[in-house]
PDB file of N, CA and C in Angstrom:
ATOM      1  N   UNK A   1      23.810 -16.843 -78.243  1.00  0.00           N
ATOM      2  CA  UNK A   1      23.684 -15.503 -77.379  1.00  0.00           C
ATOM      3  C   UNK A   1      24.936 -15.158 -76.687  1.00  0.00           C
ATOM      4  N   UNK A   2      25.735 -14.151 -76.753  1.00  0.00           N
ATOM      5  CA  UNK A   2      26.952 -13.265 -76.570  1.00  0.00           C
ATOM      6  C   UNK A   2      26.706 -11.885 -75.507  1.00  0.00           C
ATOM      7  N   UNK A   3      27.086 -12.337 -74.748  1.00  0.00           N
ATOM      8  CA  UNK A   3      27.198 -11.114 -74.068  1.00  0.00           C
ATOM      9  C   UNK A   3      28.237 -10.389 -73.611  1.00  0.00           C
ATOM     10  N   UNK A   4      27.940  -8.828 -73.997  1.00  0.00           N
ATOM     11  CA  UNK A   4      28.797  -7.374 -74.337  1.00  0.00           C
ATOM     12  C   UNK A   4      30.121  -7.579 -72.872  1.00  0.00           C
ATOM     13  N   UNK A   5      31.408  -7.344 -73.186  1.00  0.00           N
ATOM     14  CA  UNK A   5      32.271  -7.319 -72.684  1.00  0.00           C
ATOM     15  C   UNK A   5      32.414  -5.211 -72.377  1.00  0.00           C
ATOM     16  N   UNK A   6      32.025  -4.852 -71.319  1.00  0.00           N
ATOM     17  CA  UNK A   6      32.494  -3.585 -70.707  1.00  0.00           C
ATOM     18  C   UNK A   6      33.930  -3.389 -70.173  1.00  0.00           C
ATOM     19  N   UNK A   7      34.702  -2.421 -70.439  1.00  0.00           N
ATOM     20  CA  UNK A   7      35.679  -2.153 -69.272  1.00  0.00           C
ATOM     21  C   UNK A   7      35.487  -1.135 -68.379  1.00  0.00           C
ATOM     22  N   UNK A   8      35.478  -1.406 -66.940  1.00  0.00           N
ATOM     23  CA  UNK A   8      35.224  -0.256 -66.318  1.00  0.00           C
ATOM     24  C   UNK A   8      36.367   0.401 -66.270  1.00  0.00           C
ATOM     25  N   UNK A   9      36.811   1.958 -65.823  1.00  0.00           N
ATOM     26  CA  UNK A   9      37.715   2.797 -65.802  1.00  0.00           C
ATOM     27  C   UNK A   9      38.757   2.585 -65.465  1.00  0.00           C
ATOM     28  N   UNK A  10      38.935   1.893 -64.107  1.00  0.00           N
ATOM     29  CA  UNK A  10      39.910   1.326 -63.510  1.00  0.00           C
ATOM     30  C   UNK A  10      40.700   0.696 -63.973  1.00  0.00           C
ATOM     31  N   UNK A  11      40.261  -0.669 -64.662  1.00  0.00           N
ATOM     32  CA  UNK A  11      40.361  -1.815 -65.445  1.00  0.00           C
ATOM     33  C   UNK A  11      40.959  -1.642 -67.000  1.00  0.00           C
ATOM     34  N   UNK A  12      40.203  -0.447 -67.568  1.00  0.00           N
ATOM     35  CA  UNK A  12      40.606  -0.125 -68.573  1.00  0.00           C
ATOM     36  C   UNK A  12      42.733   0.639 -68.642  1.00  0.00           C
ATOM     37  N   UNK A  13      42.435   1.441 -67.326  1.00  0.00           N
ATOM     38  CA  UNK A  13      44.125   1.530 -67.443  1.00  0.00           C
ATOM     39  C   UNK A  13      44.746   0.761 -66.866  1.00  0.00           C
ATOM     40  N   UNK A  14      44.296  -0.550 -66.616  1.00  0.00           N
ATOM     41  CA  UNK A  14      45.169  -1.704 -66.151  1.00  0.00           C
ATOM     42  C   UNK A  14      45.737  -2.294 -67.482  1.00  0.00           C
ATOM     43  N   UNK A  15      45.053  -2.312 -68.242  1.00  0.00           N
ATOM     44  CA  UNK A  15      45.329  -3.185 -69.473  1.00  0.00           C
ATOM     45  C   UNK A  15      46.868  -2.605 -70.054  1.00  0.00           C
ATOM     46  N   UNK A  16      47.084  -1.391 -69.931  1.00  0.00           N
ATOM     47  CA  UNK A  16      48.375  -0.227 -70.566  1.00  0.00           C
ATOM     48  C   UNK A  16      49.452  -1.262 -70.640  1.00  0.00           C
ATOM     49  N   UNK A  17      49.713  -1.738 -69.929  1.00  0.00           N
ATOM     50  CA  UNK A  17      51.563  -2.516 -69.419  1.00  0.00           C
ATOM     51  C   UNK A  17      51.003  -3.443 -70.273  1.00  0.00           C
ATOM     52  N   UNK A  18      50.269  -4.340 -70.786  1.00  0.00           N
ATOM     53  CA  UNK A  18      50.249  -5.639 -71.355  1.00  0.00           C
ATOM     54  C   UNK A  18      50.701  -5.715 -72.933  1.00  0.00           C
ATOM     55  N   UNK A  19      51.574  -6.616 -73.002  1.00  0.00           N
ATOM     56  CA  UNK A  19      51.884  -6.561 -74.365  1.00  0.00           C
ATOM     57  C   UNK A  19      51.131  -6.837 -75.094  1.00  0.00           C
ATOM     58  N   UNK A  20      51.194  -6.809 -76.698  1.00  0.00           N
ATOM     59  CA  UNK A  20      50.134  -7.040 -77.514  1.00  0.00           C
ATOM     60  C   UNK A  20      49.816  -8.361 -77.731  1.00  0.00           C
ATOM     61  N   UNK A  21      50.731  -9.270 -77.016  1.00  0.00           N
ATOM     62  CA  UNK A  21      50.412 -11.067 -76.985  1.00  0.00           C
ATOM     63  C   UNK A  21      49.203 -11.452 -75.938  1.00  0.00           C
ATOM     64  N   UNK A  22      50.078 -10.737 -74.741  1.00  0.00           N
ATOM     65  CA  UNK A  22      48.363 -10.846 -73.448  1.00  0.00           C
ATOM     66  C   UNK A  22      47.758  -9.917 -73.666  1.00  0.00           C
ATOM     67  N   UNK A  23      47.785  -8.433 -74.275  1.00  0.00           N
ATOM     68  CA  UNK A  23      46.052  -8.139 -74.600  1.00  0.00           C
ATOM     69  C   UNK A  23      45.126  -8.884 -75.502  1.00  0.00           C
ATOM     70  N   UNK A  24      45.989  -9.732 -76.371  1.00  0.00           N
ATOM     71  CA  UNK A  24      45.273 -10.458 -77.755  1.00  0.00           C
ATOM     72  C   UNK A  24      44.827 -11.436 -76.362  1.00  0.00           C
ATOM     73  N   UNK A  25      45.423 -12.143 -75.796  1.00  0.00           N
ATOM     74  CA  UNK A  25      45.297 -13.320 -74.771  1.00  0.00           C
ATOM     75  C   UNK A  25      44.098 -12.878 -73.856  1.00  0.00           C
ATOM     76  N   UNK A  26      44.195 -11.474 -73.464  1.00  0.00           N
ATOM     77  CA  UNK A  26      42.926 -11.426 -72.575  1.00  0.00           C
ATOM     78  C   UNK A  26      41.583 -10.759 -73.453  1.00  0.00           C
ATOM     79  N   UNK A  27      41.521 -10.605 -74.707  1.00  0.00           N
ATOM     80  CA  UNK A  27      40.506 -10.553 -75.417  1.00  0.00           C
ATOM     81  C   UNK A  27      40.074 -11.877 -75.647  1.00  0.00           C
ATOM     82  N   UNK A  28      40.868 -12.430 -76.285  1.00  0.00           N
ATOM     83  CA  UNK A  28      40.001 -13.960 -76.606  1.00  0.00           C
ATOM     84  C   UNK A  28      39.424 -14.357 -75.229  1.00  0.00           C
ATOM     85  N   UNK A  29      40.103 -14.339 -73.926  1.00  0.00           N
ATOM     86  CA  UNK A  29      39.508 -15.301 -73.215  1.00  0.00           C
ATOM     87  C   UNK A  29      38.063 -14.514 -72.232  1.00  0.00           C
ATOM     88  N   UNK A  30      37.884 -13.187 -72.332  1.00  0.00           N
ATOM     89  CA  UNK A  30      36.954 -12.472 -72.581  1.00  0.00           C
ATOM     90  C   UNK A  30      35.686 -12.800 -73.367  1.00  0.00           C
ATOM     91  N   UNK A  31      36.251 -13.458 -74.734  1.00  0.00           N
ATOM     92  CA  UNK A  31      35.232 -13.329 -75.900  1.00  0.00           C
ATOM     93  C   UNK A  31      34.505 -14.615 -75.317  1.00  0.00           C
ATOM     94  N   UNK A  32      35.474 -15.917 -75.392  1.00  0.00           N
ATOM     95  CA  UNK A  32      34.848 -17.102 -75.261  1.00  0.00           C
ATOM     96  C   UNK A  32      34.383 -16.723 -73.514  1.00  0.00           C
ATOM     97  N   UNK A  33      34.637 -16.224 -72.781  1.00  0.00           N
ATOM     98  CA  UNK A  33      33.763 -15.987 -71.484  1.00  0.00           C
ATOM     99  C   UNK A  33      32.441 -15.396 -71.187  1.00  0.00           C
ATOM    100  N   UNK A  34      32.127 -14.519 -72.829  1.00  0.00           N
ATOM    101  CA  UNK A  34      31.223 -13.627 -72.758  1.00  0.00           C
ATOM    102  C   UNK A  34      29.925 -14.771 -73.438  1.00  0.00           C
ATOM    103  N   UNK A  35      30.233 -15.805 -74.127  1.00  0.00           N
ATOM    104  CA  UNK A  35      29.203 -16.385 -75.118  1.00  0.00           C
ATOM    105  C   UNK A  35      28.430 -17.357 -73.999  1.00  0.00           C
ATOM    106  N   UNK A  36      29.029 -17.780 -72.632  1.00  0.00           N
ATOM    107  CA  UNK A  36      28.149 -18.151 -71.542  1.00  0.00           C
ATOM    108  C   UNK A  36      29.202 -18.214 -70.252  1.00  0.00           C
ATOM    109  N   UNK A  37      29.088 -17.153 -69.644  1.00  0.00           N
ATOM    110  CA  UNK A  37      29.688 -16.344 -68.476  1.00  0.00           C
ATOM    111  C   UNK A  37      29.879 -16.921 -66.995  1.00  0.00           C
ATOM    112  N   UNK A  38      28.716 -17.771 -66.952  1.00  0.00           N
ATOM    113  CA  UNK A  38      27.988 -19.227 -66.117  1.00  0.00           C
ATOM    114  C   UNK A  38      29.265 -20.817 -66.312  1.00  0.00           C
ATOM    115  N   UNK A  39      29.999 -20.716 -67.134  1.00  0.00           N
ATOM    116  CA  UNK A  39      30.295 -22.002 -67.833  1.00  0.00           C
ATOM    117  C   UNK A  39      31.609 -21.991 -66.996  1.00  0.00           C
ATOM    118  N   UNK A  40      31.917 -22.935 -66.306  1.00  0.00           N
ATOM    119  CA  UNK A  40      33.658 -22.971 -65.433  1.00  0.00           C
ATOM    120  C   UNK A  40      34.513 -23.489 -66.653  1.00  0.00           C
ATOM    121  N   UNK A  41      34.120 -23.782 -67.873  1.00  0.00           N
ATOM    122  CA  UNK A  41      35.375 -24.157 -68.809  1.00  0.00           C
ATOM    123  C   UNK A  41      36.365 -22.711 -68.977  1.00  0.00           C
ATOM    124  N   UNK A  42      35.747 -21.280 -69.260  1.00  0.00           N
ATOM    125  CA  UNK A  42      36.210 -20.335 -69.399  1.00  0.00           C
ATOM    126  C   UNK A  42      36.226 -19.041 -67.927  1.00  0.00           C
ATOM    127  N   UNK A  43      35.391 -19.283 -67.070  1.00  0.00           N
ATOM    128  CA  UNK A  43      35.688 -18.841 -66.307  1.00  0.00           C
ATOM    129  C   UNK A  43      34.899 -19.309 -64.528  1.00  0.00           C
ATOM    130  N   UNK A  44      36.237 -18.750 -63.474  1.00  0.00           N
ATOM    131  CA  UNK A  44      35.449 -19.445 -62.417  1.00  0.00           C
ATOM    132  C   UNK A  44      34.840 -18.710 -61.379  1.00  0.00           C
ATOM    133  N   UNK A  45      34.229 -19.460 -60.755  1.00  0.00           N
ATOM    134  CA  UNK A  45      32.881 -18.739 -59.746  1.00  0.00           C
ATOM    135  C   UNK A  45      33.632 -18.582 -58.650  1.00  0.00           C
ATOM    136  N   UNK A  46      33.210 -17.554 -58.223  1.00  0.00           N
ATOM    137  CA  UNK A  46      34.005 -16.825 -56.778  1.00  0.00           C
ATOM    138  C   UNK A  46      32.309 -16.690 -55.495  1.00  0.00           C
ATOM    139  N   UNK A  47      32.615 -16.418 -54.188  1.00  0.00           N
ATOM    140  CA  UNK A  47      31.516 -16.828 -53.418  1.00  0.00           C
ATOM    141  C   UNK A  47      30.062 -15.630 -53.923  1.00  0.00           C
ATOM    142  N   UNK A  48      30.985 -14.645 -54.876  1.00  0.00           N
ATOM    143  CA  UNK A  48      29.632 -13.778 -55.360  1.00  0.00           C
ATOM    144  C   UNK A  48      29.508 -14.080 -56.251  1.00  0.00           C
ATOM    145  N   UNK A  49      28.116 -15.193 -56.541  1.00  0.00           N
ATOM    146  CA  UNK A  49      27.626 -15.677 -58.147  1.00  0.00           C
ATOM    147  C   UNK A  49      27.558 -14.673 -59.312  1.00  0.00           C
ATOM    148  N   UNK A  50      27.507 -13.325 -59.307  1.00  0.00           N
ATOM    149  CA  UNK A  50      27.968 -12.430 -60.220  1.00  0.00           C
ATOM    150  C   UNK A  50      29.082 -12.262 -60.692  1.00  0.00           C
ATOM    151  N   UNK A  51      30.042 -12.509 -59.366  1.00  0.00           N
ATOM    152  CA  UNK A  51      31.655 -12.489 -59.842  1.00  0.00           C
ATOM    153  C   UNK A  51      32.426 -13.475 -60.565  1.00  0.00           C
ATOM    154  N   UNK A  52      33.043 -13.626 -61.703  1.00  0.00           N
ATOM    155  CA  UNK A  52      33.880 -14.972 -62.131  1.00  0.00           C
ATOM    156  C   UNK A  52      35.106 -14.115 -62.414  1.00  0.00           C
ATOM    157  N   UNK A  53      36.068 -15.147 -62.389  1.00  0.00           N
ATOM    158  CA  UNK A  53      37.514 -14.876 -62.967  1.00  0.00           C
ATOM    159  C   UNK A  53      37.838 -15.585 -64.190  1.00  0.00           C
ATOM    160  N   UNK A  54      38.750 -15.045 -64.809  1.00  0.00           N
ATOM    161  CA  UNK A  54      38.878 -15.239 -66.275  1.00  0.00           C
ATOM    162  C   UNK A  54      40.159 -15.228 -66.471  1.00  0.00           C
ATOM    163  N   UNK A  55      41.208 -16.410 -66.625  1.00  0.00           N
ATOM    164  CA  UNK A  55      42.496 -16.124 -67.051  1.00  0.00           C
ATOM    165  C   UNK A  55      42.951 -15.911 -68.246  1.00  0.00           C
ATOM    166  N   UNK A  56      44.096 -15.429 -68.136  1.00  0.00           N
ATOM    167  CA  UNK A  56      44.647 -15.492 -69.931  1.00  0.00           C
ATOM    168  C   UNK A  56      46.144 -14.906 -69.478  1.00  0.00           C
ATOM    169  N   UNK A  57      46.625 -14.846 -70.691  1.00  0.00           N
ATOM    170  CA  UNK A  57      48.357 -14.849 -70.338  1.00  0.00           C
ATOM    171  C   UNK A  57      49.215 -16.124 -71.524  1.00  0.00           C
ATOM    172  N   UNK A  58      50.316 -15.029 -72.101  1.00  0.00           N
ATOM    173  CA  UNK A  58      51.054 -15.586 -72.834  1.00  0.00           C
ATOM    174  C   UNK A  58      52.618 -15.083 -72.042  1.00  0.00           C
ATOM    175  N   UNK A  59      52.765 -14.136 -71.809  1.00  0.00           N
ATOM    176  CA  UNK A  59      53.878 -13.486 -71.753  1.00  0.00           C
ATOM    177  C   UNK A  59      53.867 -13.278 -69.866  1.00  0.00           C
ATOM    178  N   UNK A  60      52.666 -13.327 -69.505  1.00  0.00           N
ATOM    179  CA  UNK A  60      52.200 -13.237 -67.830  1.00  0.00           C
ATOM    180  C   UNK A  60      51.336 -14.146 -67.727  1.00  0.00           C
ATOM    181  N   UNK A  61      50.938 -14.701 -66.086  1.00  0.00           N
ATOM    182  CA  UNK A  61      49.800 -15.375 -65.731  1.00  0.00           C
ATOM    183  C   UNK A  61      49.016 -13.844 -65.145  1.00  0.00           C
ATOM    184  N   UNK A  62      48.117 -14.287 -65.733  1.00  0.00           N
ATOM    185  CA  UNK A  62      46.557 -12.969 -65.378  1.00  0.00           C
ATOM    186  C   UNK A  62      45.488 -13.344 -65.541  1.00  0.00           C
ATOM    187  N   UNK A  63      44.280 -12.735 -64.526  1.00  0.00           N
ATOM    188  CA  UNK A  63      43.730 -12.936 -64.021  1.00  0.00           C
ATOM    189  C   UNK A  63      42.109 -11.807 -64.373  1.00  0.00           C
ATOM    190  N   UNK A  64      41.353 -11.667 -65.009  1.00  0.00           N
ATOM    191  CA  UNK A  64      40.523 -10.932 -64.811  1.00  0.00           C
ATOM    192  C   UNK A  64      38.946 -10.778 -64.097  1.00  0.00           C
ATOM    193  N   UNK A  65      38.852  -9.963 -63.074  1.00  0.00           N
ATOM    194  CA  UNK A  65      37.577 -10.458 -62.919  1.00  0.00           C
ATOM    195  C   UNK A  65      36.428  -9.111 -63.471  1.00  0.00           C
ATOM    196  N   UNK A  66      35.350  -9.936 -63.645  1.00  0.00           N
ATOM    197  CA  UNK A  66      33.994  -9.534 -63.939  1.00  0.00           C
ATOM    198  C   UNK A  66      33.162  -9.563 -63.338  1.00  0.00           C
ATOM    199  N   UNK A  67      31.867  -8.912 -63.569  1.00  0.00           N
ATOM    200  CA  UNK A  67      30.509  -8.807 -62.671  1.00  0.00           C
ATOM    201  C   UNK A  67      30.033  -9.515 -64.319  1.00  0.00           C
ATOM    202  N   UNK A  68      29.166 -10.479 -63.687  1.00  0.00           N
ATOM    203  CA  UNK A  68      27.974 -10.435 -64.790  1.00  0.00           C
ATOM    204  C   UNK A  68      26.684 -10.275 -64.336  1.00  0.00           C
ATOM    205  N   UNK A  69      25.800  -9.572 -65.427  1.00  0.00           N
ATOM    206  CA  UNK A  69      24.762  -8.821 -65.368  1.00  0.00           C
ATOM    207  C   UNK A  69      23.418  -9.310 -66.447  1.00  0.00           C
ATOM    208  N   UNK A  70      23.207 -10.521 -65.758  1.00  0.00           N
ATOM    209  CA  UNK A  70      22.378 -11.179 -66.487  1.00  0.00           C
ATOM    210  C   UNK A  70      21.401 -10.640 -67.428  1.00  0.00           C
ATOM    211  N   UNK A  71      20.534  -9.082 -66.726  1.00  0.00           N
ATOM    212  CA  UNK A  71      19.690  -8.639 -67.409  1.00  0.00           C
ATOM    213  C   UNK A  71      19.951  -7.442 -68.283  1.00  0.00           C
ATOM    214  N   UNK A  72      21.410  -7.257 -68.210  1.00  0.00           N
ATOM    215  CA  UNK A  72      22.174  -6.653 -69.344  1.00  0.00           C
ATOM    216  C   UNK A  72      22.405  -6.931 -70.581  1.00  0.00           C
ATOM    217  N   UNK A  73      23.041  -8.599 -70.310  1.00  0.00           N
ATOM    218  CA  UNK A  73      23.463  -9.275 -70.815  1.00  0.00           C
ATOM    219  C   UNK A  73      25.092  -8.773 -71.016  1.00  0.00           C
ATOM    220  N   UNK A  74      25.592  -8.404 -69.742  1.00  0.00           N
ATOM    221  CA  UNK A  74      26.945  -8.111 -70.048  1.00  0.00           C
ATOM    222  C   UNK A  74      27.708  -8.207 -68.898  1.00  0.00           C
ATOM    223  N   UNK A  75      29.271  -8.502 -69.663  1.00  0.00           N
ATOM    224  CA  UNK A  75      30.175  -8.667 -68.702  1.00  0.00           C
ATOM    225  C   UNK A  75      30.975  -7.373 -68.324  1.00  0.00           C
ATOM    226  N   UNK A  76      31.039  -7.103 -67.087  1.00  0.00           N
ATOM    227  CA  UNK A  76      32.141  -5.672 -66.719  1.00  0.00           C
ATOM    228  C   UNK A  76      32.925  -5.879 -65.899  1.00  0.00           C
ATOM    229  N   UNK A  77      34.154  -5.580 -67.100  1.00  0.00           N
ATOM    230  CA  UNK A  77      35.434  -6.137 -66.144  1.00  0.00           C
ATOM    231  C   UNK A  77      35.701  -4.896 -65.187  1.00  0.00           C
ATOM    232  N   UNK A  78      36.329  -5.091 -63.889  1.00  0.00           N
ATOM    233  CA  UNK A  78      36.059  -4.065 -63.047  1.00  0.00           C
ATOM    234  C   UNK A  78      37.757  -4.539 -62.506  1.00  0.00           C
ATOM    235  N   UNK A  79      38.742  -5.482 -62.748  1.00  0.00           N
ATOM    236  CA  UNK A  79      40.117  -5.146 -62.068  1.00  0.00           C
ATOM    237  C   UNK A  79      40.722  -6.489 -62.700  1.00  0.00           C
ATOM    238  N   UNK A  80      42.064  -6.343 -63.032  1.00  0.00           N
ATOM    239  CA  UNK A  80      43.001  -6.961 -64.106  1.00  0.00           C
ATOM    240  C   UNK A  80      44.263  -7.398 -63.257  1.00  0.00           C
ATOM    241  N   UNK A  81      44.631  -8.233 -63.266  1.00  0.00           N
ATOM    242  CA  UNK A  81      45.671  -8.627 -62.589  1.00  0.00           C
ATOM    243  C   UNK A  81      46.911  -9.793 -62.735  1.00  0.00           C
ATOM    244  N   UNK A  82      48.080  -9.604 -62.778  1.00  0.00           N
ATOM    245  CA  UNK A  82      48.846 -10.215 -63.623  1.00  0.00           C
ATOM    246  C   UNK A  82      49.822 -10.096 -62.973  1.00  0.00           C
ATOM    247  N   UNK A  83      51.198 -10.925 -63.114  1.00  0.00           N
ATOM    248  CA  UNK A  83      52.146 -11.242 -62.768  1.00  0.00           C
ATOM    249  C   UNK A  83      53.311 -11.983 -63.908  1.00  0.00           C
ATOM    250  N   UNK A  84      54.833 -11.461 -64.069  1.00  0.00           N
ATOM    251  CA  UNK A  84      55.284 -11.625 -65.214  1.00  0.00           C
ATOM    252  C   UNK A  84      55.774 -13.205 -64.882  1.00  0.00           C
ATOM    253  N   UNK A  85      55.842 -14.031 -65.832  1.00  0.00           N
ATOM    254  CA  UNK A  85      56.227 -15.401 -66.218  1.00  0.00           C
ATOM    255  C   UNK A  85      58.060 -14.861 -65.826  1.00  0.00           C
ATOM    256  N   UNK A  86      58.939 -15.927 -65.362  1.00  0.00           N
ATOM    257  CA  UNK A  86      60.096 -15.940 -64.725  1.00  0.00           C
ATOM    258  C   UNK A  86      60.492 -16.957 -65.664  1.00  0.00           C
ATOM    259  N   UNK A  87      62.214 -16.770 -66.065  1.00  0.00           N
ATOM    260  CA  UNK A  87      62.257 -17.988 -67.052  1.00  0.00           C
ATOM    261  C   UNK A  87      62.809 -19.209 -65.618  1.00  0.00           C
ATOM    262  N   UNK A  88      63.221 -20.371 -65.887  1.00  0.00           N
ATOM    263  CA  UNK A  88      63.659 -21.299 -64.779  1.00  0.00           C
ATOM    264  C   UNK A  88      63.695 -22.318 -65.075  1.00  0.00           C
TER     265      UNK A  88
END
């Protein structure tokens, strides 16, 4: 069983500046999380049992916040944050 992934409007706008590599990393990370949203291997828990964090990134260090709806079998991406990696 796999959950469907939905992007909320503001989250969809937040992905526009991502490079193709980072967008692919995000979609891959969400696809893995959708297989079992409560598995700590692919997403981290928060204080709210239904909100999880999904890490991604190639050229950035990023994290997507998702709301897990078990009844609808849906991951709703509501926030995407990242910072660029610096050479060092």
